[in-house]
Amino acid sequence: MTSHELTNASHSMRDISFAVVDFETTGLNPETDRIVQLAAVIVNGEGDIVDSFDTIVKPESPAEYQHGAEHIHGITAEQVSSGMPLRKALEQLWSINAGHVFTAHNAPFDLGFLHAESKRVGIEGAIESHIDTLELSRRTTGADSTRRHNLFALCEHYGIERDQVHDAKSDATATAQLLIHLIKELGVEKPDQVSELFAR
């Protein structure tokens, strides 16, 4: 969703929606590591969840896949081997994201994996603008450097309950709730103000 589309949208925050995305991966490098779980939670500007999608992901080229980070996300190699094929999972993710504002916590990480994995399977797509709740959290504190901005700390700060840590659906849902807290804290009350939230 572009700034122009936001400007010409309804006056109600209920009519603006965000695709809050989270990935679990085998490591930190999108060029060599892979997505093993993905989730997208669609939430409107008033905090109502209107749609969601999540799945374990099976790599496109199993021979090139090296399982990793199971000690963090708890996803086993067996689960990955029976997951949704990467291309199909990404097609559904791009589809559910369409028409919404892409949002993630530490968005450069998720965007790096989204674009790298999409390129691997020949899917063309680009996110023109996005919201990074990590950046928004830093904006709310200004010069106050005492608050930690990782998702765990922010959930504690705002009283957001999480079913499971390092689970894509749980983390995306928590990030969606965090987004609404940050929107209110930053004084965004109308759709034409949402572009102020875009990552700088």
N, C-alpha and C. Protein backbone atom coordinates (compact mmCIF):
# COMPACT_ATOMS: atom_id res chain seq x y z
N MET A 1 0.85 -1.19 0.00
CA MET A 1 0.00 0.00 0.00
C MET A 1 0.89 1.24 0.00
N THR A 2 0.61 2.16 -0.89
CA THR A 2 1.45 3.35 -1.04
C THR A 2 0.88 4.53 -0.27
N SER A 3 1.70 5.59 -0.18
CA SER A 3 1.25 6.81 0.49
C SER A 3 0.02 7.38 -0.21
N HIS A 4 -0.01 7.30 -1.55
CA HIS A 4 -1.16 7.81 -2.31
C HIS A 4 -2.43 7.05 -1.95
N GLU A 5 -2.31 5.74 -1.85
CA GLU A 5 -3.48 4.93 -1.50
C GLU A 5 -3.97 5.25 -0.10
N LEU A 6 -3.04 5.50 0.83
CA LEU A 6 -3.42 5.84 2.19
C LEU A 6 -4.14 7.17 2.24
N THR A 7 -3.64 8.13 1.48
CA THR A 7 -4.23 9.47 1.47
C THR A 7 -5.66 9.43 0.96
N ASN A 8 -5.93 8.51 0.02
CA ASN A 8 -7.27 8.45 -0.57
C ASN A 8 -8.14 7.38 0.09
N ALA A 9 -7.72 6.91 1.22
CA ALA A 9 -8.50 5.88 1.93
C ALA A 9 -9.56 6.52 2.81
N SER A 10 -10.28 5.68 3.53
CA SER A 10 -11.32 6.14 4.44
C SER A 10 -10.72 6.96 5.57
N HIS A 11 -11.58 7.66 6.30
CA HIS A 11 -11.12 8.43 7.46
C HIS A 11 -11.03 7.56 8.70
N SER A 12 -11.42 6.30 8.60
CA SER A 12 -11.42 5.41 9.76
C SER A 12 -10.19 4.50 9.76
N MET A 13 -9.53 4.39 10.91
CA MET A 13 -8.39 3.49 11.03
C MET A 13 -8.81 2.02 10.85
N ARG A 14 -10.09 1.76 11.00
CA ARG A 14 -10.59 0.40 10.80
C ARG A 14 -10.41 -0.03 9.35
N ASP A 15 -10.33 0.93 8.43
CA ASP A 15 -10.23 0.61 7.01
C ASP A 15 -8.79 0.56 6.50
N ILE A 16 -7.83 0.76 7.40
CA ILE A 16 -6.42 0.59 7.06
C ILE A 16 -5.96 -0.74 7.65
N SER A 17 -5.21 -1.51 6.89
CA SER A 17 -4.80 -2.82 7.39
C SER A 17 -3.30 -3.05 7.17
N PHE A 18 -2.76 -3.87 8.04
CA PHE A 18 -1.33 -4.15 8.06
C PHE A 18 -1.11 -5.65 7.95
N ALA A 19 -0.18 -6.07 7.12
CA ALA A 19 0.23 -7.46 7.04
C ALA A 19 1.46 -7.62 7.92
N VAL A 20 1.26 -8.16 9.10
CA VAL A 20 2.35 -8.30 10.07
C VAL A 20 2.98 -9.68 9.86
N VAL A 21 4.24 -9.67 9.47
CA VAL A 21 4.92 -10.89 9.01
C VAL A 21 6.05 -11.28 9.95
N ASP A 22 6.23 -12.60 10.11
CA ASP A 22 7.37 -13.10 10.88
C ASP A 22 7.86 -14.40 10.26
N PHE A 23 9.19 -14.57 10.26
CA PHE A 23 9.81 -15.79 9.75
C PHE A 23 10.63 -16.45 10.85
N GLU A 24 10.64 -17.77 10.84
CA GLU A 24 11.65 -18.53 11.58
C GLU A 24 12.59 -19.11 10.53
N THR A 25 13.87 -19.03 10.79
CA THR A 25 14.86 -19.39 9.78
C THR A 25 15.95 -20.30 10.36
N THR A 26 16.78 -20.83 9.47
CA THR A 26 17.88 -21.70 9.92
C THR A 26 19.08 -20.90 10.39
N GLY A 27 19.07 -19.60 10.18
CA GLY A 27 20.19 -18.74 10.57
C GLY A 27 19.88 -17.30 10.24
N LEU A 28 20.90 -16.47 10.21
CA LEU A 28 20.70 -15.03 10.07
C LEU A 28 21.02 -14.48 8.68
N ASN A 29 21.58 -15.30 7.81
CA ASN A 29 22.03 -14.82 6.51
C ASN A 29 21.06 -15.26 5.42
N PRO A 30 20.31 -14.33 4.81
CA PRO A 30 19.32 -14.72 3.80
C PRO A 30 19.93 -15.33 2.54
N GLU A 31 21.23 -15.12 2.33
CA GLU A 31 21.86 -15.67 1.14
C GLU A 31 22.19 -17.16 1.31
N THR A 32 22.41 -17.58 2.54
CA THR A 32 22.79 -18.98 2.77
C THR A 32 21.81 -19.75 3.64
N ASP A 33 21.02 -19.06 4.46
CA ASP A 33 20.06 -19.72 5.34
C ASP A 33 18.67 -19.72 4.72
N ARG A 34 17.76 -20.46 5.32
CA ARG A 34 16.44 -20.66 4.73
C ARG A 34 15.30 -20.42 5.73
N ILE A 35 14.15 -20.10 5.20
CA ILE A 35 12.93 -19.98 6.00
C ILE A 35 12.40 -21.37 6.30
N VAL A 36 12.07 -21.63 7.57
CA VAL A 36 11.46 -22.91 7.94
C VAL A 36 10.02 -22.74 8.43
N GLN A 37 9.63 -21.50 8.74
CA GLN A 37 8.25 -21.23 9.13
C GLN A 37 7.95 -19.78 8.80
N LEU A 38 6.75 -19.52 8.32
CA LEU A 38 6.36 -18.14 8.06
C LEU A 38 4.92 -17.92 8.50
N ALA A 39 4.64 -16.67 8.82
CA ALA A 39 3.28 -16.31 9.24
C ALA A 39 3.00 -14.87 8.86
N ALA A 40 1.75 -14.60 8.57
CA ALA A 40 1.27 -13.24 8.32
C ALA A 40 -0.05 -13.07 9.05
N VAL A 41 -0.17 -12.01 9.81
CA VAL A 41 -1.40 -11.68 10.52
C VAL A 41 -1.89 -10.34 9.98
N ILE A 42 -3.09 -10.32 9.44
CA ILE A 42 -3.67 -9.08 8.92
C ILE A 42 -4.48 -8.43 10.03
N VAL A 43 -4.11 -7.21 10.38
CA VAL A 43 -4.76 -6.50 11.47
C VAL A 43 -5.14 -5.10 10.99
N ASN A 44 -6.33 -4.63 11.38
CA ASN A 44 -6.69 -3.27 10.98
C ASN A 44 -6.16 -2.26 12.00
N GLY A 45 -6.35 -0.99 11.70
CA GLY A 45 -5.77 0.06 12.53
C GLY A 45 -6.36 0.19 13.90
N GLU A 46 -7.43 -0.56 14.17
CA GLU A 46 -8.02 -0.56 15.51
C GLU A 46 -7.65 -1.81 16.29
N GLY A 47 -6.82 -2.66 15.67
CA GLY A 47 -6.33 -3.84 16.38
C GLY A 47 -7.09 -5.12 16.16
N ASP A 48 -8.07 -5.11 15.25
CA ASP A 48 -8.85 -6.33 14.99
C ASP A 48 -8.11 -7.20 13.97
N ILE A 49 -7.90 -8.46 14.30
CA ILE A 49 -7.29 -9.40 13.36
C ILE A 49 -8.36 -9.87 12.39
N VAL A 50 -8.12 -9.68 11.10
CA VAL A 50 -9.12 -10.00 10.09
C VAL A 50 -8.74 -11.21 9.23
N ASP A 51 -7.47 -11.62 9.28
CA ASP A 51 -7.04 -12.77 8.51
C ASP A 51 -5.67 -13.21 9.00
N SER A 52 -5.29 -14.43 8.68
CA SER A 52 -3.95 -14.90 9.05
C SER A 52 -3.57 -16.10 8.20
N PHE A 53 -2.28 -16.34 8.14
CA PHE A 53 -1.75 -17.48 7.40
C PHE A 53 -0.43 -17.88 8.04
N ASP A 54 -0.24 -19.17 8.29
CA ASP A 54 1.04 -19.63 8.79
C ASP A 54 1.29 -21.06 8.37
N THR A 55 2.55 -21.42 8.21
CA THR A 55 2.89 -22.77 7.80
C THR A 55 4.36 -23.06 8.07
N ILE A 56 4.66 -24.34 8.28
CA ILE A 56 6.03 -24.81 8.23
C ILE A 56 6.41 -24.87 6.75
N VAL A 57 7.66 -24.56 6.43
CA VAL A 57 8.08 -24.45 5.04
C VAL A 57 9.10 -25.54 4.68
N LYS A 58 8.86 -26.17 3.52
CA LYS A 58 9.80 -27.14 2.96
C LYS A 58 10.65 -26.43 1.92
N PRO A 59 11.98 -26.54 1.98
CA PRO A 59 12.85 -25.82 1.05
C PRO A 59 12.64 -26.25 -0.40
N GLU A 60 12.90 -25.33 -1.32
CA GLU A 60 12.72 -25.62 -2.74
C GLU A 60 13.76 -26.62 -3.24
N SER A 61 14.99 -26.53 -2.72
CA SER A 61 16.07 -27.43 -3.13
C SER A 61 16.58 -28.19 -1.91
N PRO A 62 15.95 -29.31 -1.57
CA PRO A 62 16.31 -30.04 -0.34
C PRO A 62 17.78 -30.40 -0.25
N ALA A 63 18.43 -30.66 -1.40
CA ALA A 63 19.84 -31.04 -1.39
C ALA A 63 20.73 -29.91 -0.89
N GLU A 64 20.25 -28.66 -1.03
CA GLU A 64 21.03 -27.50 -0.61
C GLU A 64 20.65 -27.04 0.81
N TYR A 65 19.67 -27.68 1.37
CA TYR A 65 19.16 -27.25 2.67
C TYR A 65 19.95 -27.88 3.81
N GLN A 66 20.35 -27.04 4.76
CA GLN A 66 21.02 -27.52 5.97
C GLN A 66 20.20 -27.07 7.17
N HIS A 67 19.65 -28.04 7.89
CA HIS A 67 18.79 -27.72 9.02
C HIS A 67 19.60 -27.05 10.12
N GLY A 68 19.00 -26.02 10.75
CA GLY A 68 19.71 -25.32 11.80
C GLY A 68 18.77 -24.53 12.69
N ALA A 69 19.31 -24.07 13.82
CA ALA A 69 18.61 -23.22 14.78
C ALA A 69 17.41 -23.90 15.43
N GLU A 70 17.38 -25.23 15.41
CA GLU A 70 16.27 -25.94 16.04
C GLU A 70 16.20 -25.64 17.54
N HIS A 71 17.36 -25.38 18.15
CA HIS A 71 17.39 -25.07 19.58
C HIS A 71 16.69 -23.75 19.89
N ILE A 72 16.47 -22.94 18.86
CA ILE A 72 15.78 -21.65 19.05
C ILE A 72 14.29 -21.78 18.73
N HIS A 73 13.97 -22.26 17.55
CA HIS A 73 12.56 -22.29 17.14
C HIS A 73 11.87 -23.62 17.40
N GLY A 74 12.62 -24.67 17.66
CA GLY A 74 12.01 -25.96 17.99
C GLY A 74 11.42 -26.71 16.82
N ILE A 75 11.65 -26.23 15.60
CA ILE A 75 11.11 -26.89 14.42
C ILE A 75 12.09 -27.97 13.98
N THR A 76 11.61 -29.20 13.85
CA THR A 76 12.49 -30.32 13.53
C THR A 76 12.67 -30.48 12.02
N ALA A 77 13.72 -31.21 11.66
CA ALA A 77 13.96 -31.50 10.24
C ALA A 77 12.81 -32.30 9.65
N GLU A 78 12.22 -33.18 10.46
CA GLU A 78 11.08 -33.98 10.01
C GLU A 78 9.88 -33.09 9.69
N GLN A 79 9.63 -32.08 10.53
CA GLN A 79 8.54 -31.15 10.27
C GLN A 79 8.78 -30.38 8.98
N VAL A 80 10.02 -29.96 8.78
CA VAL A 80 10.37 -29.22 7.57
C VAL A 80 10.15 -30.08 6.33
N SER A 81 10.53 -31.34 6.40
CA SER A 81 10.43 -32.23 5.24
C SER A 81 8.99 -32.45 4.80
N SER A 82 8.03 -32.24 5.72
CA SER A 82 6.62 -32.41 5.36
C SER A 82 5.87 -31.07 5.32
N GLY A 83 6.62 -29.98 5.31
CA GLY A 83 6.01 -28.66 5.29
C GLY A 83 5.48 -28.28 3.92
N MET A 84 4.87 -27.11 3.84
CA MET A 84 4.37 -26.59 2.56
C MET A 84 5.57 -26.22 1.68
N PRO A 85 5.58 -26.61 0.42
CA PRO A 85 6.68 -26.24 -0.47
C PRO A 85 6.90 -24.72 -0.48
N LEU A 86 8.18 -24.33 -0.50
CA LEU A 86 8.53 -22.92 -0.38
C LEU A 86 7.78 -22.04 -1.37
N ARG A 87 7.75 -22.42 -2.62
CA ARG A 87 7.11 -21.58 -3.64
C ARG A 87 5.63 -21.35 -3.30
N LYS A 88 4.93 -22.40 -2.94
CA LYS A 88 3.51 -22.26 -2.61
C LYS A 88 3.32 -21.38 -1.38
N ALA A 89 4.18 -21.56 -0.37
CA ALA A 89 4.08 -20.75 0.85
C ALA A 89 4.32 -19.28 0.55
N LEU A 90 5.32 -19.00 -0.29
CA LEU A 90 5.61 -17.61 -0.63
C LEU A 90 4.52 -16.99 -1.49
N GLU A 91 3.95 -17.78 -2.40
CA GLU A 91 2.84 -17.27 -3.23
C GLU A 91 1.67 -16.86 -2.33
N GLN A 92 1.38 -17.68 -1.33
CA GLN A 92 0.29 -17.34 -0.42
C GLN A 92 0.64 -16.11 0.42
N LEU A 93 1.91 -16.01 0.82
CA LEU A 93 2.32 -14.85 1.61
C LEU A 93 2.22 -13.56 0.80
N TRP A 94 2.72 -13.58 -0.42
CA TRP A 94 2.61 -12.39 -1.27
C TRP A 94 1.15 -12.04 -1.52
N SER A 95 0.31 -13.06 -1.69
CA SER A 95 -1.11 -12.83 -1.94
C SER A 95 -1.80 -12.19 -0.74
N ILE A 96 -1.53 -12.71 0.45
CA ILE A 96 -2.19 -12.18 1.64
C ILE A 96 -1.66 -10.80 1.99
N ASN A 97 -0.43 -10.50 1.56
CA ASN A 97 0.15 -9.19 1.84
C ASN A 97 -0.43 -8.10 0.94
N ALA A 98 -0.93 -8.48 -0.22
CA ALA A 98 -1.39 -7.51 -1.21
C ALA A 98 -2.46 -6.58 -0.64
N GLY A 99 -2.27 -5.28 -0.83
CA GLY A 99 -3.25 -4.30 -0.38
C GLY A 99 -3.11 -3.89 1.07
N HIS A 100 -2.13 -4.45 1.76
CA HIS A 100 -1.90 -4.11 3.17
C HIS A 100 -0.50 -3.52 3.35
N VAL A 101 -0.26 -2.91 4.46
CA VAL A 101 1.06 -2.34 4.74
C VAL A 101 1.95 -3.41 5.37
N PHE A 102 3.03 -3.77 4.70
CA PHE A 102 3.94 -4.78 5.23
C PHE A 102 4.56 -4.28 6.52
N THR A 103 4.50 -5.11 7.56
CA THR A 103 4.99 -4.73 8.88
C THR A 103 5.73 -5.91 9.50
N ALA A 104 6.82 -5.62 10.19
CA ALA A 104 7.56 -6.67 10.90
C ALA A 104 8.39 -6.02 11.99
N HIS A 105 8.83 -6.84 12.94
CA HIS A 105 9.74 -6.36 13.97
C HIS A 105 11.15 -6.66 13.51
N ASN A 106 11.95 -5.61 13.35
CA ASN A 106 13.25 -5.71 12.67
C ASN A 106 13.01 -6.11 11.23
N ALA A 107 12.24 -5.29 10.54
CA ALA A 107 11.78 -5.59 9.18
C ALA A 107 12.89 -5.88 8.18
N PRO A 108 14.06 -5.24 8.24
CA PRO A 108 15.11 -5.58 7.26
C PRO A 108 15.47 -7.07 7.26
N PHE A 109 15.41 -7.70 8.43
CA PHE A 109 15.68 -9.14 8.51
C PHE A 109 14.65 -9.92 7.69
N ASP A 110 13.37 -9.66 7.93
CA ASP A 110 12.31 -10.40 7.25
C ASP A 110 12.27 -10.07 5.76
N LEU A 111 12.49 -8.82 5.41
CA LEU A 111 12.49 -8.44 4.01
C LEU A 111 13.66 -9.09 3.27
N GLY A 112 14.81 -9.19 3.93
CA GLY A 112 15.95 -9.85 3.32
C GLY A 112 15.66 -11.29 2.96
N PHE A 113 15.01 -12.01 3.88
CA PHE A 113 14.66 -13.40 3.62
C PHE A 113 13.53 -13.51 2.60
N LEU A 114 12.55 -12.62 2.68
CA LEU A 114 11.43 -12.66 1.73
C LEU A 114 11.94 -12.50 0.30
N HIS A 115 12.81 -11.52 0.08
CA HIS A 115 13.30 -11.27 -1.27
C HIS A 115 14.27 -12.36 -1.74
N ALA A 116 15.14 -12.83 -0.84
CA ALA A 116 16.10 -13.87 -1.23
C ALA A 116 15.40 -15.18 -1.58
N GLU A 117 14.44 -15.58 -0.74
CA GLU A 117 13.73 -16.84 -0.99
C GLU A 117 12.82 -16.72 -2.22
N SER A 118 12.21 -15.56 -2.40
CA SER A 118 11.36 -15.35 -3.58
C SER A 118 12.20 -15.45 -4.85
N LYS A 119 13.38 -14.88 -4.82
CA LYS A 119 14.28 -14.94 -5.97
C LYS A 119 14.66 -16.38 -6.28
N ARG A 120 14.85 -17.20 -5.25
CA ARG A 120 15.24 -18.60 -5.45
C ARG A 120 14.20 -19.38 -6.25
N VAL A 121 12.93 -19.02 -6.06
CA VAL A 121 11.86 -19.76 -6.74
C VAL A 121 11.26 -18.99 -7.92
N GLY A 122 11.90 -17.89 -8.28
CA GLY A 122 11.46 -17.15 -9.46
C GLY A 122 10.23 -16.29 -9.28
N ILE A 123 9.95 -15.89 -8.03
CA ILE A 123 8.83 -14.98 -7.77
C ILE A 123 9.35 -13.56 -7.73
N GLU A 124 8.75 -12.70 -8.55
CA GLU A 124 9.14 -11.29 -8.55
C GLU A 124 8.18 -10.50 -7.68
N GLY A 125 8.73 -9.68 -6.82
CA GLY A 125 7.90 -8.86 -5.95
C GLY A 125 8.78 -7.89 -5.19
N ALA A 126 8.20 -6.76 -4.84
CA ALA A 126 8.96 -5.76 -4.10
C ALA A 126 8.04 -5.06 -3.12
N ILE A 127 8.54 -4.79 -1.95
CA ILE A 127 7.80 -4.03 -0.94
C ILE A 127 8.23 -2.58 -1.07
N GLU A 128 7.32 -1.72 -1.53
CA GLU A 128 7.68 -0.32 -1.76
C GLU A 128 7.92 0.44 -0.47
N SER A 129 7.09 0.19 0.51
CA SER A 129 7.24 0.86 1.80
C SER A 129 6.80 -0.11 2.88
N HIS A 130 7.34 0.07 4.07
CA HIS A 130 7.01 -0.87 5.14
C HIS A 130 7.11 -0.17 6.49
N ILE A 131 6.59 -0.86 7.50
CA ILE A 131 6.67 -0.39 8.88
C ILE A 131 7.53 -1.36 9.67
N ASP A 132 8.44 -0.82 10.45
CA ASP A 132 9.31 -1.63 11.30
C ASP A 132 9.00 -1.27 12.75
N THR A 133 8.37 -2.19 13.48
CA THR A 133 7.99 -1.88 14.87
C THR A 133 9.21 -1.69 15.77
N LEU A 134 10.35 -2.26 15.39
CA LEU A 134 11.57 -2.01 16.15
C LEU A 134 11.95 -0.53 16.04
N GLU A 135 11.90 0.00 14.84
CA GLU A 135 12.21 1.42 14.64
C GLU A 135 11.18 2.30 15.34
N LEU A 136 9.89 1.93 15.24
CA LEU A 136 8.86 2.74 15.89
C LEU A 136 9.07 2.78 17.40
N SER A 137 9.44 1.66 17.98
CA SER A 137 9.69 1.61 19.42
C SER A 137 10.81 2.56 19.80
N ARG A 138 11.86 2.59 18.99
CA ARG A 138 12.97 3.50 19.26
C ARG A 138 12.53 4.96 19.15
N ARG A 139 11.59 5.23 18.25
CA ARG A 139 11.08 6.61 18.12
C ARG A 139 10.35 7.04 19.39
N THR A 140 9.62 6.12 20.00
CA THR A 140 8.80 6.49 21.16
C THR A 140 9.64 6.84 22.38
N THR A 141 10.86 6.32 22.44
CA THR A 141 11.69 6.58 23.63
C THR A 141 12.57 7.80 23.49
N GLY A 142 12.76 8.28 22.26
CA GLY A 142 13.61 9.44 22.07
C GLY A 142 15.02 9.18 22.59
N ALA A 143 15.46 10.05 23.48
CA ALA A 143 16.83 9.94 24.01
C ALA A 143 16.94 8.91 25.14
N ASP A 144 15.80 8.35 25.55
CA ASP A 144 15.82 7.35 26.62
C ASP A 144 16.38 6.04 26.08
N SER A 145 17.57 5.70 26.50
CA SER A 145 18.23 4.50 25.98
C SER A 145 18.11 3.32 26.94
N THR A 146 17.29 3.45 27.97
CA THR A 146 17.21 2.37 28.96
C THR A 146 16.26 1.26 28.53
N ARG A 147 15.26 1.59 27.74
CA ARG A 147 14.30 0.56 27.32
C ARG A 147 14.93 -0.34 26.26
N ARG A 148 14.74 -1.64 26.44
CA ARG A 148 15.17 -2.59 25.43
C ARG A 148 14.08 -2.72 24.37
N HIS A 149 14.49 -2.93 23.14
CA HIS A 149 13.53 -2.90 22.04
C HIS A 149 13.33 -4.25 21.36
N ASN A 150 13.86 -5.32 21.95
CA ASN A 150 13.57 -6.62 21.37
C ASN A 150 12.11 -6.99 21.66
N LEU A 151 11.57 -7.92 20.89
CA LEU A 151 10.14 -8.24 20.99
C LEU A 151 9.77 -8.74 22.37
N PHE A 152 10.63 -9.55 22.97
CA PHE A 152 10.35 -10.09 24.30
C PHE A 152 10.19 -8.95 25.32
N ALA A 153 11.14 -8.01 25.31
CA ALA A 153 11.10 -6.90 26.26
C ALA A 153 9.90 -6.00 26.02
N LEU A 154 9.56 -5.76 24.78
CA LEU A 154 8.43 -4.88 24.47
C LEU A 154 7.10 -5.52 24.83
N CYS A 155 7.01 -6.83 24.67
CA CYS A 155 5.78 -7.52 25.09
C CYS A 155 5.61 -7.40 26.60
N GLU A 156 6.69 -7.51 27.34
CA GLU A 156 6.63 -7.33 28.80
C GLU A 156 6.22 -5.90 29.13
N HIS A 157 6.80 -4.94 28.43
CA HIS A 157 6.52 -3.52 28.70
C HIS A 157 5.05 -3.18 28.48
N TYR A 158 4.47 -3.71 27.39
CA TYR A 158 3.08 -3.38 27.05
C TYR A 158 2.07 -4.41 27.55
N GLY A 159 2.53 -5.42 28.25
CA GLY A 159 1.62 -6.43 28.78
C GLY A 159 1.01 -7.32 27.72
N ILE A 160 1.77 -7.61 26.68
CA ILE A 160 1.29 -8.46 25.59
C ILE A 160 1.63 -9.91 25.92
N GLU A 161 0.63 -10.77 25.95
CA GLU A 161 0.85 -12.18 26.25
C GLU A 161 1.19 -12.94 24.97
N ARG A 162 2.15 -13.87 25.08
CA ARG A 162 2.55 -14.67 23.93
C ARG A 162 2.36 -16.15 24.25
N ASP A 163 1.77 -16.86 23.30
CA ASP A 163 1.55 -18.29 23.49
C ASP A 163 2.86 -19.06 23.45
N GLN A 164 3.77 -18.60 22.60
CA GLN A 164 5.02 -19.32 22.38
C GLN A 164 6.05 -18.34 21.84
N VAL A 165 7.29 -18.48 22.30
CA VAL A 165 8.37 -17.63 21.83
C VAL A 165 9.05 -18.30 20.65
N HIS A 166 9.47 -17.50 19.66
CA HIS A 166 10.13 -18.01 18.45
C HIS A 166 9.23 -18.99 17.69
N ASP A 167 7.96 -18.63 17.61
CA ASP A 167 7.00 -19.29 16.73
C ASP A 167 6.45 -18.19 15.83
N ALA A 168 6.50 -18.41 14.51
CA ALA A 168 6.16 -17.33 13.59
C ALA A 168 4.76 -16.77 13.82
N LYS A 169 3.76 -17.64 14.00
CA LYS A 169 2.38 -17.15 14.20
C LYS A 169 2.27 -16.38 15.52
N SER A 170 2.86 -16.90 16.59
CA SER A 170 2.80 -16.25 17.88
C SER A 170 3.52 -14.90 17.85
N ASP A 171 4.70 -14.88 17.21
CA ASP A 171 5.47 -13.64 17.15
C ASP A 171 4.80 -12.60 16.26
N ALA A 172 4.20 -13.05 15.15
CA ALA A 172 3.49 -12.10 14.28
C ALA A 172 2.27 -11.52 14.99
N THR A 173 1.57 -12.35 15.75
CA THR A 173 0.40 -11.88 16.50
C THR A 173 0.82 -10.87 17.57
N ALA A 174 1.93 -11.17 18.27
CA ALA A 174 2.43 -10.25 19.28
C ALA A 174 2.88 -8.94 18.65
N THR A 175 3.52 -9.03 17.49
CA THR A 175 3.97 -7.82 16.80
C THR A 175 2.78 -6.98 16.34
N ALA A 176 1.70 -7.64 15.93
CA ALA A 176 0.49 -6.91 15.53
C ALA A 176 -0.07 -6.13 16.71
N GLN A 177 -0.08 -6.75 17.89
CA GLN A 177 -0.56 -6.05 19.08
C GLN A 177 0.39 -4.91 19.46
N LEU A 178 1.68 -5.16 19.33
CA LEU A 178 2.67 -4.12 19.61
C LEU A 178 2.47 -2.94 18.68
N LEU A 179 2.21 -3.22 17.40
CA LEU A 179 1.98 -2.15 16.43
C LEU A 179 0.88 -1.21 16.88
N ILE A 180 -0.22 -1.75 17.35
CA ILE A 180 -1.34 -0.91 17.78
C ILE A 180 -0.95 -0.04 18.97
N HIS A 181 -0.22 -0.59 19.92
CA HIS A 181 0.27 0.21 21.04
C HIS A 181 1.15 1.37 20.54
N LEU A 182 2.03 1.09 19.60
CA LEU A 182 2.94 2.11 19.10
C LEU A 182 2.20 3.16 18.28
N ILE A 183 1.21 2.72 17.50
CA ILE A 183 0.41 3.67 16.73
C ILE A 183 -0.24 4.69 17.66
N LYS A 184 -0.82 4.20 18.74
CA LYS A 184 -1.48 5.10 19.70
C LYS A 184 -0.47 6.00 20.39
N GLU A 185 0.67 5.42 20.76
CA GLU A 185 1.69 6.19 21.47
C GLU A 185 2.27 7.30 20.59
N LEU A 186 2.32 7.05 19.29
CA LEU A 186 2.86 8.05 18.37
C LEU A 186 1.79 9.02 17.87
N GLY A 187 0.57 8.85 18.33
CA GLY A 187 -0.50 9.80 18.02
C GLY A 187 -1.06 9.70 16.63
N VAL A 188 -0.94 8.55 16.00
CA VAL A 188 -1.51 8.35 14.66
C VAL A 188 -2.96 7.94 14.82
N GLU A 189 -3.87 8.80 14.35
CA GLU A 189 -5.30 8.58 14.55
C GLU A 189 -6.09 8.50 13.25
N LYS A 190 -5.47 8.87 12.12
CA LYS A 190 -6.18 8.89 10.84
C LYS A 190 -5.35 8.17 9.78
N PRO A 191 -6.02 7.58 8.78
CA PRO A 191 -5.29 6.86 7.74
C PRO A 191 -4.22 7.68 7.04
N ASP A 192 -4.48 8.99 6.84
CA ASP A 192 -3.48 9.79 6.12
C ASP A 192 -2.23 10.08 6.95
N GLN A 193 -2.26 9.64 8.23
CA GLN A 193 -1.05 9.77 9.06
C GLN A 193 -0.20 8.51 9.05
N VAL A 194 -0.73 7.42 8.50
CA VAL A 194 -0.03 6.14 8.57
C VAL A 194 1.32 6.20 7.86
N SER A 195 1.42 6.98 6.79
CA SER A 195 2.70 7.07 6.09
C SER A 195 3.80 7.61 6.99
N GLU A 196 3.44 8.30 8.08
CA GLU A 196 4.43 8.79 9.04
C GLU A 196 5.12 7.63 9.77
N LEU A 197 4.48 6.45 9.73
CA LEU A 197 5.02 5.28 10.41
C LEU A 197 6.02 4.51 9.56
N PHE A 198 6.06 4.82 8.26
CA PHE A 198 6.94 4.06 7.37
C PHE A 198 8.39 4.18 7.82
N ALA A 199 9.13 3.10 7.64
CA ALA A 199 10.54 3.08 8.04
C ALA A 199 11.31 4.18 7.31
N ARG A 200 12.20 4.81 8.05
CA ARG A 200 12.96 5.93 7.48
C ARG A 200 14.32 5.48 6.98
